[in-house]
């Protein structure tokens, strides 16, 4: 449960601008509440506590940090195609800024890898990072996105276009293939999401 120490009046304005639903606090200690996506923010005198299944839906608005992040992604499919899930992690010099894993229905492994990359880049953009170093253990995805390899699959071509659009949001970016051991946390999150389904 993330806790952000901040000016809660400024936080309220930022969340209102981002389209969050604002309401009064439920106790004497709560100043206000805000709901956005799958997260709820509860404001106290000098901090905001974020609850819910996707705290990044609110945290991204309140932590407009900029700077550089390392972004890891992984997709998993049991069967090809079969039940699929994604995992992603955003790391800064302060540690893990955000991570997530979720089921995405039925997909091939390559479709799941692309879905994980898209979700990770969306989250990094929401958090306001200026530069991203993206790392994944799918050589196919890395080579296709960087232009080293082409694809004949129309669906994967569409996903590649979406990834390139997201990368354009950053002032600087890189995308590199890494061994599975380096991508361990994103892999764990994708497999945990599959196991929980």
C-alpha atoms as a PDB file:
ATOM      1  CA  UNK A   1       0.000   0.000   0.000  1.00  0.00           C
ATOM      2  CA  UNK A   2       1.909   3.089  -1.234  1.00  0.00           C
ATOM      3  CA  UNK A   3       2.084   6.139   1.023  1.00  0.00           C
ATOM      4  CA  UNK A   4       2.976   9.484  -0.547  1.00  0.00           C
ATOM      5  CA  UNK A   5       3.965  12.386   1.692  1.00  0.00           C
ATOM      6  CA  UNK A   6       2.784  15.533  -0.060  1.00  0.00           C
ATOM      7  CA  UNK A   7       0.654  18.659   0.028  1.00  0.00           C
ATOM      8  CA  UNK A   8      -2.758  16.979   0.016  1.00  0.00           C
ATOM      9  CA  UNK A   9      -4.511  20.014  -1.478  1.00  0.00           C
ATOM     10  CA  UNK A  10      -2.175  19.928  -4.482  1.00  0.00           C
ATOM     11  CA  UNK A  11      -2.661  16.164  -4.707  1.00  0.00           C
ATOM     12  CA  UNK A  12      -6.437  16.645  -4.762  1.00  0.00           C
ATOM     13  CA  UNK A  13      -6.150  19.153  -7.621  1.00  0.00           C
ATOM     14  CA  UNK A  14      -3.859  16.835  -9.597  1.00  0.00           C
ATOM     15  CA  UNK A  15      -6.251  13.917  -9.196  1.00  0.00           C
ATOM     16  CA  UNK A  16      -9.248  16.064 -10.133  1.00  0.00           C
ATOM     17  CA  UNK A  17      -7.419  17.157 -13.302  1.00  0.00           C
ATOM     18  CA  UNK A  18      -6.716  13.501 -14.094  1.00  0.00           C
ATOM     19  CA  UNK A  19     -10.429  12.677 -13.894  1.00  0.00           C
ATOM     20  CA  UNK A  20     -10.515  10.994 -10.491  1.00  0.00           C
ATOM     21  CA  UNK A  21     -13.851  10.865  -8.638  1.00  0.00           C
ATOM     22  CA  UNK A  22     -13.496  12.893  -5.431  1.00  0.00           C
ATOM     23  CA  UNK A  23     -15.515  12.450  -2.240  1.00  0.00           C
ATOM     24  CA  UNK A  24     -15.436  13.445   1.409  1.00  0.00           C
ATOM     25  CA  UNK A  25     -13.400  11.442   3.917  1.00  0.00           C
ATOM     26  CA  UNK A  26     -15.200   8.719   5.859  1.00  0.00           C
ATOM     27  CA  UNK A  27     -13.669   9.502   9.278  1.00  0.00           C
ATOM     28  CA  UNK A  28     -12.594  12.597  11.203  1.00  0.00           C
ATOM     29  CA  UNK A  29      -8.964  11.940  10.216  1.00  0.00           C
ATOM     30  CA  UNK A  30      -9.580  11.610   6.476  1.00  0.00           C
ATOM     31  CA  UNK A  31      -9.498  14.893   4.543  1.00  0.00           C
ATOM     32  CA  UNK A  32     -10.853  13.422   1.273  1.00  0.00           C
ATOM     33  CA  UNK A  33     -10.950  10.326  -0.931  1.00  0.00           C
ATOM     34  CA  UNK A  34     -10.377   9.904  -4.651  1.00  0.00           C
ATOM     35  CA  UNK A  35     -11.094   6.944  -6.934  1.00  0.00           C
ATOM     36  CA  UNK A  36      -9.334   6.428 -10.260  1.00  0.00           C
ATOM     37  CA  UNK A  37      -9.244   3.135 -12.145  1.00  0.00           C
ATOM     38  CA  UNK A  38      -8.786   0.299  -9.678  1.00  0.00           C
ATOM     39  CA  UNK A  39      -7.296   2.461  -6.925  1.00  0.00           C
ATOM     40  CA  UNK A  40      -8.547   4.674  -4.100  1.00  0.00           C
ATOM     41  CA  UNK A  41      -6.559   7.469  -2.466  1.00  0.00           C
ATOM     42  CA  UNK A  42      -7.244   8.468   1.126  1.00  0.00           C
ATOM     43  CA  UNK A  43      -5.807  11.833   2.207  1.00  0.00           C
ATOM     44  CA  UNK A  44      -4.708  12.654   5.736  1.00  0.00           C
ATOM     45  CA  UNK A  45      -2.998  15.853   6.957  1.00  0.00           C
ATOM     46  CA  UNK A  46       0.318  15.439   5.134  1.00  0.00           C
ATOM     47  CA  UNK A  47       0.088  12.188   3.183  1.00  0.00           C
ATOM     48  CA  UNK A  48      -2.005  10.183   0.766  1.00  0.00           C
ATOM     49  CA  UNK A  49      -2.454   6.442   1.244  1.00  0.00           C
ATOM     50  CA  UNK A  50      -3.293   4.475  -1.897  1.00  0.00           C
ATOM     51  CA  UNK A  51      -5.350   1.287  -1.791  1.00  0.00           C
ATOM     52  CA  UNK A  52      -6.800  -1.052  -4.395  1.00  0.00           C
ATOM     53  CA  UNK A  53      -5.665  -3.665  -6.885  1.00  0.00           C
ATOM     54  CA  UNK A  54      -3.887  -1.168  -9.196  1.00  0.00           C
ATOM     55  CA  UNK A  55      -2.329   1.545  -7.002  1.00  0.00           C
ATOM     56  CA  UNK A  56      -0.370   2.817 -10.014  1.00  0.00           C
ATOM     57  CA  UNK A  57      -3.645   4.270 -11.369  1.00  0.00           C
ATOM     58  CA  UNK A  58      -3.322   6.998  -8.712  1.00  0.00           C
ATOM     59  CA  UNK A  59       0.367   6.831  -7.847  1.00  0.00           C
ATOM     60  CA  UNK A  60       1.303   7.693 -11.431  1.00  0.00           C
ATOM     61  CA  UNK A  61      -0.585  10.997 -11.130  1.00  0.00           C
ATOM     62  CA  UNK A  62       0.945  11.956  -7.784  1.00  0.00           C
ATOM     63  CA  UNK A  63       4.536  10.917  -8.514  1.00  0.00           C
ATOM     64  CA  UNK A  64       5.321  13.078 -11.516  1.00  0.00           C
ATOM     65  CA  UNK A  65       9.049  12.541 -11.160  1.00  0.00           C
ATOM     66  CA  UNK A  66      10.498  12.466 -14.646  1.00  0.00           C
ATOM     67  CA  UNK A  67      13.980  11.026 -14.851  1.00  0.00           C
ATOM     68  CA  UNK A  68      15.205   7.635 -16.029  1.00  0.00           C
ATOM     69  CA  UNK A  69      13.647   4.244 -15.355  1.00  0.00           C
ATOM     70  CA  UNK A  70      14.544   0.656 -16.156  1.00  0.00           C
ATOM     71  CA  UNK A  71      11.526  -1.188 -17.511  1.00  0.00           C
ATOM     72  CA  UNK A  72      11.319  -5.005 -17.559  1.00  0.00           C
ATOM     73  CA  UNK A  73       8.560  -6.964 -19.295  1.00  0.00           C
ATOM     74  CA  UNK A  74       7.563 -10.585 -19.831  1.00  0.00           C
ATOM     75  CA  UNK A  75       4.625 -12.463 -21.296  1.00  0.00           C
ATOM     76  CA  UNK A  76       3.658 -16.061 -20.602  1.00  0.00           C
ATOM     77  CA  UNK A  77       1.353 -18.456 -22.402  1.00  0.00           C
ATOM     78  CA  UNK A  78       0.477 -21.996 -21.383  1.00  0.00           C
ATOM     79  CA  UNK A  79      -0.057 -23.534 -24.762  1.00  0.00           C
ATOM     80  CA  UNK A  80       0.624 -21.592 -27.919  1.00  0.00           C
ATOM     81  CA  UNK A  81      -1.992 -20.143 -28.019  1.00  0.00           C
ATOM     82  CA  UNK A  82      -3.423 -20.727 -24.578  1.00  0.00           C
ATOM     83  CA  UNK A  83      -4.183 -18.955 -21.302  1.00  0.00           C
ATOM     84  CA  UNK A  84      -1.804 -16.001 -21.137  1.00  0.00           C
ATOM     85  CA  UNK A  85      -0.586 -13.361 -18.703  1.00  0.00           C
ATOM     86  CA  UNK A  86       1.854 -10.480 -18.517  1.00  0.00           C
ATOM     87  CA  UNK A  87       4.319  -9.144 -15.970  1.00  0.00           C
ATOM     88  CA  UNK A  88       6.213  -5.865 -15.823  1.00  0.00           C
ATOM     89  CA  UNK A  89       8.475  -3.968 -13.440  1.00  0.00           C
ATOM     90  CA  UNK A  90       9.655  -0.344 -13.382  1.00  0.00           C
ATOM     91  CA  UNK A  91      12.873   0.242 -11.439  1.00  0.00           C
ATOM     92  CA  UNK A  92      14.598   3.515 -10.549  1.00  0.00           C
ATOM     93  CA  UNK A  93      17.680   4.277  -8.480  1.00  0.00           C
ATOM     94  CA  UNK A  94      15.337   4.225  -5.454  1.00  0.00           C
ATOM     95  CA  UNK A  95      14.156   0.663  -6.141  1.00  0.00           C
ATOM     96  CA  UNK A  96      10.935  -0.702  -7.635  1.00  0.00           C
ATOM     97  CA  UNK A  97       8.660   2.200  -8.592  1.00  0.00           C
ATOM     98  CA  UNK A  98       5.811  -0.014  -9.821  1.00  0.00           C
ATOM     99  CA  UNK A  99       5.082  -3.516 -11.007  1.00  0.00           C
ATOM    100  CA  UNK A 100       2.127  -5.555 -12.121  1.00  0.00           C
ATOM    101  CA  UNK A 101       0.896  -8.840 -13.461  1.00  0.00           C
ATOM    102  CA  UNK A 102      -2.439  -9.795 -14.972  1.00  0.00           C
ATOM    103  CA  UNK A 103      -4.146 -12.373 -17.126  1.00  0.00           C
ATOM    104  CA  UNK A 104      -4.918 -11.280 -20.677  1.00  0.00           C
ATOM    105  CA  UNK A 105      -7.079 -14.165 -21.879  1.00  0.00           C
ATOM    106  CA  UNK A 106      -5.993 -16.465 -24.688  1.00  0.00           C
ATOM    107  CA  UNK A 107      -2.857 -15.527 -26.645  1.00  0.00           C
ATOM    108  CA  UNK A 108       0.322 -16.848 -28.174  1.00  0.00           C
ATOM    109  CA  UNK A 109       3.560 -16.321 -26.297  1.00  0.00           C
ATOM    110  CA  UNK A 110       4.610 -13.579 -28.730  1.00  0.00           C
ATOM    111  CA  UNK A 111       1.253 -11.795 -28.349  1.00  0.00           C
ATOM    112  CA  UNK A 112       1.659 -11.959 -24.563  1.00  0.00           C
ATOM    113  CA  UNK A 113       5.195 -10.546 -24.800  1.00  0.00           C
ATOM    114  CA  UNK A 114       3.939  -7.599 -26.848  1.00  0.00           C
ATOM    115  CA  UNK A 115       1.015  -7.038 -24.439  1.00  0.00           C
ATOM    116  CA  UNK A 116       3.467  -6.964 -21.517  1.00  0.00           C
ATOM    117  CA  UNK A 117       5.694  -4.448 -23.294  1.00  0.00           C
ATOM    118  CA  UNK A 118       2.728  -2.198 -24.121  1.00  0.00           C
ATOM    119  CA  UNK A 119       1.461  -2.252 -20.512  1.00  0.00           C
ATOM    120  CA  UNK A 120       4.946  -1.567 -19.117  1.00  0.00           C
ATOM    121  CA  UNK A 121       5.471   1.405 -21.444  1.00  0.00           C
ATOM    122  CA  UNK A 122       2.010   2.794 -20.641  1.00  0.00           C
ATOM    123  CA  UNK A 123       2.824   2.626 -16.930  1.00  0.00           C
ATOM    124  CA  UNK A 124       6.236   4.280 -17.401  1.00  0.00           C
ATOM    125  CA  UNK A 125       4.572   7.044 -19.418  1.00  0.00           C
ATOM    126  CA  UNK A 126       1.851   7.486 -16.768  1.00  0.00           C
ATOM    127  CA  UNK A 127       4.562   7.885 -14.135  1.00  0.00           C
ATOM    128  CA  UNK A 128       6.082  10.696 -16.187  1.00  0.00           C
ATOM    129  CA  UNK A 129       9.517   9.203 -16.804  1.00  0.00           C
ATOM    130  CA  UNK A 130      11.512  11.032 -19.487  1.00  0.00           C
ATOM    131  CA  UNK A 131      13.890   8.203 -20.374  1.00  0.00           C
ATOM    132  CA  UNK A 132      13.461   4.428 -20.296  1.00  0.00           C
ATOM    133  CA  UNK A 133      15.857   1.549 -20.678  1.00  0.00           C
ATOM    134  CA  UNK A 134      13.577  -1.341 -21.617  1.00  0.00           C
ATOM    135  CA  UNK A 135      14.684  -4.942 -21.134  1.00  0.00           C
ATOM    136  CA  UNK A 136      13.006  -8.224 -22.026  1.00  0.00           C
ATOM    137  CA  UNK A 137      13.991 -11.826 -22.589  1.00  0.00           C
ATOM    138  CA  UNK A 138      12.132 -12.162 -25.904  1.00  0.00           C
ATOM    139  CA  UNK A 139      14.717 -11.729 -28.638  1.00  0.00           C
ATOM    140  CA  UNK A 140      11.941 -11.770 -31.251  1.00  0.00           C
ATOM    141  CA  UNK A 141      10.129  -8.779 -29.733  1.00  0.00           C
ATOM    142  CA  UNK A 142      13.333  -6.792 -29.210  1.00  0.00           C
ATOM    143  CA  UNK A 143      14.532  -7.432 -32.783  1.00  0.00           C
ATOM    144  CA  UNK A 144      11.132  -6.635 -34.317  1.00  0.00           C
ATOM    145  CA  UNK A 145      10.632  -3.393 -32.398  1.00  0.00           C
ATOM    146  CA  UNK A 146      14.174  -2.153 -33.075  1.00  0.00           C
ATOM    147  CA  UNK A 147      13.770  -2.951 -36.787  1.00  0.00           C
ATOM    148  CA  UNK A 148      16.394  -5.692 -37.036  1.00  0.00           C
ATOM    149  CA  UNK A 149      13.725  -8.257 -37.933  1.00  0.00           C
ATOM    150  CA  UNK A 150      10.431  -7.935 -39.792  1.00  0.00           C
ATOM    151  CA  UNK A 151       7.221  -9.873 -39.184  1.00  0.00           C
ATOM    152  CA  UNK A 152       4.683 -11.381 -41.542  1.00  0.00           C
ATOM    153  CA  UNK A 153       2.036 -11.635 -38.815  1.00  0.00           C
ATOM    154  CA  UNK A 154      -0.424  -8.708 -39.213  1.00  0.00           C
ATOM    155  CA  UNK A 155      -1.410  -8.746 -35.523  1.00  0.00           C
ATOM    156  CA  UNK A 156       2.210  -8.599 -34.355  1.00  0.00           C
ATOM    157  CA  UNK A 157       2.851  -5.782 -36.849  1.00  0.00           C
ATOM    158  CA  UNK A 158      -0.001  -3.796 -35.254  1.00  0.00           C
ATOM    159  CA  UNK A 159       1.417  -4.398 -31.795  1.00  0.00           C
ATOM    160  CA  UNK A 160       4.857  -3.300 -32.962  1.00  0.00           C
ATOM    161  CA  UNK A 161       3.339  -0.041 -34.261  1.00  0.00           C
ATOM    162  CA  UNK A 162       1.669   0.521 -30.868  1.00  0.00           C
ATOM    163  CA  UNK A 163       4.973  -0.056 -29.050  1.00  0.00           C
ATOM    164  CA  UNK A 164       6.765   2.407 -31.333  1.00  0.00           C
ATOM    165  CA  UNK A 165       4.034   5.017 -30.667  1.00  0.00           C
ATOM    166  CA  UNK A 166       4.519   4.577 -26.923  1.00  0.00           C
ATOM    167  CA  UNK A 167       8.299   4.827 -27.191  1.00  0.00           C
ATOM    168  CA  UNK A 168       7.897   8.193 -28.939  1.00  0.00           C
ATOM    169  CA  UNK A 169       6.507   9.606 -25.671  1.00  0.00           C
ATOM    170  CA  UNK A 170       9.977   9.432 -24.116  1.00  0.00           C
ATOM    171  CA  UNK A 171      12.860  11.834 -24.710  1.00  0.00           C
ATOM    172  CA  UNK A 172      15.248   8.893 -24.912  1.00  0.00           C
ATOM    173  CA  UNK A 173      14.798   5.126 -24.913  1.00  0.00           C
ATOM    174  CA  UNK A 174      16.614   1.871 -25.517  1.00  0.00           C
ATOM    175  CA  UNK A 175      15.347  -1.695 -25.890  1.00  0.00           C
ATOM    176  CA  UNK A 176      17.654  -4.609 -25.149  1.00  0.00           C
ATOM    177  CA  UNK A 177      17.430  -8.381 -24.968  1.00  0.00           C
ATOM    178  CA  UNK A 178      18.502  -9.801 -21.595  1.00  0.00           C
ATOM    179  CA  UNK A 179      18.805 -13.369 -20.263  1.00  0.00           C
ATOM    180  CA  UNK A 180      15.767 -14.759 -18.436  1.00  0.00           C
ATOM    181  CA  UNK A 181      17.613 -14.552 -15.083  1.00  0.00           C
ATOM    182  CA  UNK A 182      17.908 -10.758 -15.437  1.00  0.00           C
ATOM    183  CA  UNK A 183      14.177 -10.570 -16.174  1.00  0.00           C
ATOM    184  CA  UNK A 184      13.217 -12.784 -13.235  1.00  0.00           C
ATOM    185  CA  UNK A 185      10.743 -10.472 -11.444  1.00  0.00           C
ATOM    186  CA  UNK A 186       8.652  -9.738 -14.557  1.00  0.00           C
ATOM    187  CA  UNK A 187       8.640 -13.471 -15.348  1.00  0.00           C
ATOM    188  CA  UNK A 188       7.462 -14.280 -11.798  1.00  0.00           C
ATOM    189  CA  UNK A 189       4.631 -11.736 -12.007  1.00  0.00           C
ATOM    190  CA  UNK A 190       3.381 -13.141 -15.327  1.00  0.00           C
ATOM    191  CA  UNK A 191       3.457 -16.719 -14.020  1.00  0.00           C
ATOM    192  CA  UNK A 192       1.832 -15.764 -10.709  1.00  0.00           C
ATOM    193  CA  UNK A 193      -1.009 -14.140 -12.648  1.00  0.00           C
ATOM    194  CA  UNK A 194      -1.448 -17.356 -14.657  1.00  0.00           C
ATOM    195  CA  UNK A 195      -1.384 -19.477 -11.503  1.00  0.00           C
ATOM    196  CA  UNK A 196      -3.961 -17.248  -9.780  1.00  0.00           C
ATOM    197  CA  UNK A 197      -6.363 -17.516 -12.712  1.00  0.00           C
END
